[in-house]
Amino acid sequence: MSITLTRFISDWNTSILREQQGASIHFYQLCEAIGLSPSDWITTTGEKIVFEQHVQKTSGGVGRADVWHRGHFAWEYKGNGGMI
């Protein structure tokens, strides 16, 4: 059963999860809430969406993108006061 957008917003507005605990769950539920099927994107081959991908930072050095879709986007979550 998919999560509604109203429930998604309500649940995440009161979330107490740390970034590492909630990032992949948040992204998965966001996909569901806006009508996308996460299973179409998140595969065991990593050809589309992967979590915690090692990436080269534009400022130099190496970091990890919380959600990564090669050639499309890198998504970085932040804890309270940030993106989550």
C-alpha atoms as a PDB file:
ATOM      1  CA  MET A   1       0.000   0.000   0.000  1.00  0.00           C
ATOM      2  CA  SER A   2       1.376   3.386  -0.976  1.00  0.00           C
ATOM      3  CA  ILE A   3       1.710   6.219   1.475  1.00  0.00           C
ATOM      4  CA  THR A   4      -0.362   9.339   0.822  1.00  0.00           C
ATOM      5  CA  LEU A   5       1.336  12.699   0.441  1.00  0.00           C
ATOM      6  CA  THR A   6      -0.531  14.015   3.500  1.00  0.00           C
ATOM      7  CA  ARG A   7       0.651  11.106   5.634  1.00  0.00           C
ATOM      8  CA  PHE A   8       4.189  11.381   4.283  1.00  0.00           C
ATOM      9  CA  ILE A   9       4.379  15.062   5.267  1.00  0.00           C
ATOM     10  CA  SER A  10       2.850  14.432   8.677  1.00  0.00           C
ATOM     11  CA  ASP A  11       5.145  11.490   9.450  1.00  0.00           C
ATOM     12  CA  TRP A  12       8.325  13.238   8.360  1.00  0.00           C
ATOM     13  CA  ASN A  13       7.490  16.521  10.091  1.00  0.00           C
ATOM     14  CA  THR A  14       7.599  14.619  13.380  1.00  0.00           C
ATOM     15  CA  SER A  15      10.454  12.227  12.558  1.00  0.00           C
ATOM     16  CA  ILE A  16      13.194  11.835  15.143  1.00  0.00           C
ATOM     17  CA  LEU A  17      15.453   9.753  12.888  1.00  0.00           C
ATOM     18  CA  ARG A  18      19.028  10.798  12.248  1.00  0.00           C
ATOM     19  CA  GLU A  19      20.110  11.374   8.652  1.00  0.00           C
ATOM     20  CA  GLN A  20      21.721   7.946   8.319  1.00  0.00           C
ATOM     21  CA  GLN A  21      18.649   6.229   9.733  1.00  0.00           C
ATOM     22  CA  GLY A  22      16.058   7.941   7.588  1.00  0.00           C
ATOM     23  CA  ALA A  23      17.513   8.953   4.230  1.00  0.00           C
ATOM     24  CA  SER A  24      16.705   5.839   2.199  1.00  0.00           C
ATOM     25  CA  ILE A  25      13.314   5.349   3.879  1.00  0.00           C
ATOM     26  CA  HIS A  26      12.437   8.998   3.242  1.00  0.00           C
ATOM     27  CA  PHE A  27      13.382   8.777  -0.436  1.00  0.00           C
ATOM     28  CA  TYR A  28      11.503   5.512  -0.941  1.00  0.00           C
ATOM     29  CA  GLN A  29       8.346   6.897   0.694  1.00  0.00           C
ATOM     30  CA  LEU A  30       8.645  10.179  -1.210  1.00  0.00           C
ATOM     31  CA  CYS A  31       8.627   8.231  -4.481  1.00  0.00           C
ATOM     32  CA  GLU A  32       5.497   6.385  -3.373  1.00  0.00           C
ATOM     33  CA  ALA A  33       3.778   9.574  -2.155  1.00  0.00           C
ATOM     34  CA  ILE A  34       4.192  11.302  -5.522  1.00  0.00           C
ATOM     35  CA  GLY A  35       3.048   8.268  -7.484  1.00  0.00           C
ATOM     36  CA  LEU A  36       6.363   6.757  -8.569  1.00  0.00           C
ATOM     37  CA  SER A  37       7.132   3.096  -8.113  1.00  0.00           C
ATOM     38  CA  PRO A  38      10.434   2.868  -6.210  1.00  0.00           C
ATOM     39  CA  SER A  39      10.907  -0.710  -7.374  1.00  0.00           C
ATOM     40  CA  ASP A  40      11.204   0.616 -10.952  1.00  0.00           C
ATOM     41  CA  TRP A  41      14.229   2.673  -9.912  1.00  0.00           C
ATOM     42  CA  ILE A  42      15.826   0.805  -7.043  1.00  0.00           C
ATOM     43  CA  THR A  43      17.295  -2.434  -8.321  1.00  0.00           C
ATOM     44  CA  THR A  44      19.832  -4.939  -7.072  1.00  0.00           C
ATOM     45  CA  THR A  45      22.105  -4.135 -10.030  1.00  0.00           C
ATOM     46  CA  GLY A  46      22.630  -0.476  -9.100  1.00  0.00           C
ATOM     47  CA  GLU A  47      21.959   0.570 -12.687  1.00  0.00           C
ATOM     48  CA  LYS A  48      19.571   3.308 -11.601  1.00  0.00           C
ATOM     49  CA  ILE A  49      19.234   4.482  -7.990  1.00  0.00           C
ATOM     50  CA  VAL A  50      21.724   3.548  -5.287  1.00  0.00           C
ATOM     51  CA  PHE A  51      22.180   4.789  -1.745  1.00  0.00           C
ATOM     52  CA  GLU A  52      25.438   5.971  -0.135  1.00  0.00           C
ATOM     53  CA  GLN A  53      27.344   6.196  -3.431  1.00  0.00           C
ATOM     54  CA  HIS A  54      30.970   7.327  -3.206  1.00  0.00           C
ATOM     55  CA  VAL A  55      31.321  10.471  -5.331  1.00  0.00           C
ATOM     56  CA  GLN A  56      33.888  13.126  -6.163  1.00  0.00           C
ATOM     57  CA  LYS A  57      32.943  16.450  -4.563  1.00  0.00           C
ATOM     58  CA  THR A  58      32.977  19.544  -6.751  1.00  0.00           C
ATOM     59  CA  SER A  59      34.979  21.242  -3.986  1.00  0.00           C
ATOM     60  CA  GLY A  60      37.544  18.430  -4.046  1.00  0.00           C
ATOM     61  CA  GLY A  61      37.823  15.215  -2.108  1.00  0.00           C
ATOM     62  CA  VAL A  62      35.495  12.277  -1.926  1.00  0.00           C
ATOM     63  CA  GLY A  63      32.141  12.021  -0.195  1.00  0.00           C
ATOM     64  CA  ARG A  64      28.969  10.001  -0.347  1.00  0.00           C
ATOM     65  CA  ALA A  65      25.665  10.947  -1.954  1.00  0.00           C
ATOM     66  CA  ASP A  66      22.714   9.668   0.054  1.00  0.00           C
ATOM     67  CA  VAL A  67      20.804   8.954  -3.173  1.00  0.00           C
ATOM     68  CA  TRP A  68      22.578   8.669  -6.523  1.00  0.00           C
ATOM     69  CA  HIS A  69      21.217   8.281 -10.038  1.00  0.00           C
ATOM     70  CA  ARG A  70      24.184   8.345 -12.416  1.00  0.00           C
ATOM     71  CA  GLY A  71      23.838  11.056 -15.048  1.00  0.00           C
ATOM     72  CA  HIS A  72      20.709  12.451 -13.409  1.00  0.00           C
ATOM     73  CA  PHE A  73      21.139  13.565  -9.809  1.00  0.00           C
ATOM     74  CA  ALA A  74      22.846  13.265  -6.456  1.00  0.00           C
ATOM     75  CA  TRP A  75      20.667  13.867  -3.408  1.00  0.00           C
ATOM     76  CA  GLU A  76      22.140  14.748  -0.038  1.00  0.00           C
ATOM     77  CA  TYR A  77      20.080  14.687   3.130  1.00  0.00           C
ATOM     78  CA  LYS A  78      20.785  16.738   6.211  1.00  0.00           C
ATOM     79  CA  GLY A  79      19.516  16.145   9.737  1.00  0.00           C
ATOM     80  CA  ASN A  80      17.204  18.424  11.716  1.00  0.00           C
ATOM     81  CA  GLY A  81      17.163  21.898  10.268  1.00  0.00           C
ATOM     82  CA  GLY A  82      18.307  20.560   6.906  1.00  0.00           C
ATOM     83  CA  MET A  83      16.564  18.579   4.209  1.00  0.00           C
ATOM     84  CA  ILE A  84      14.940  15.882   6.327  1.00  0.00           C
END
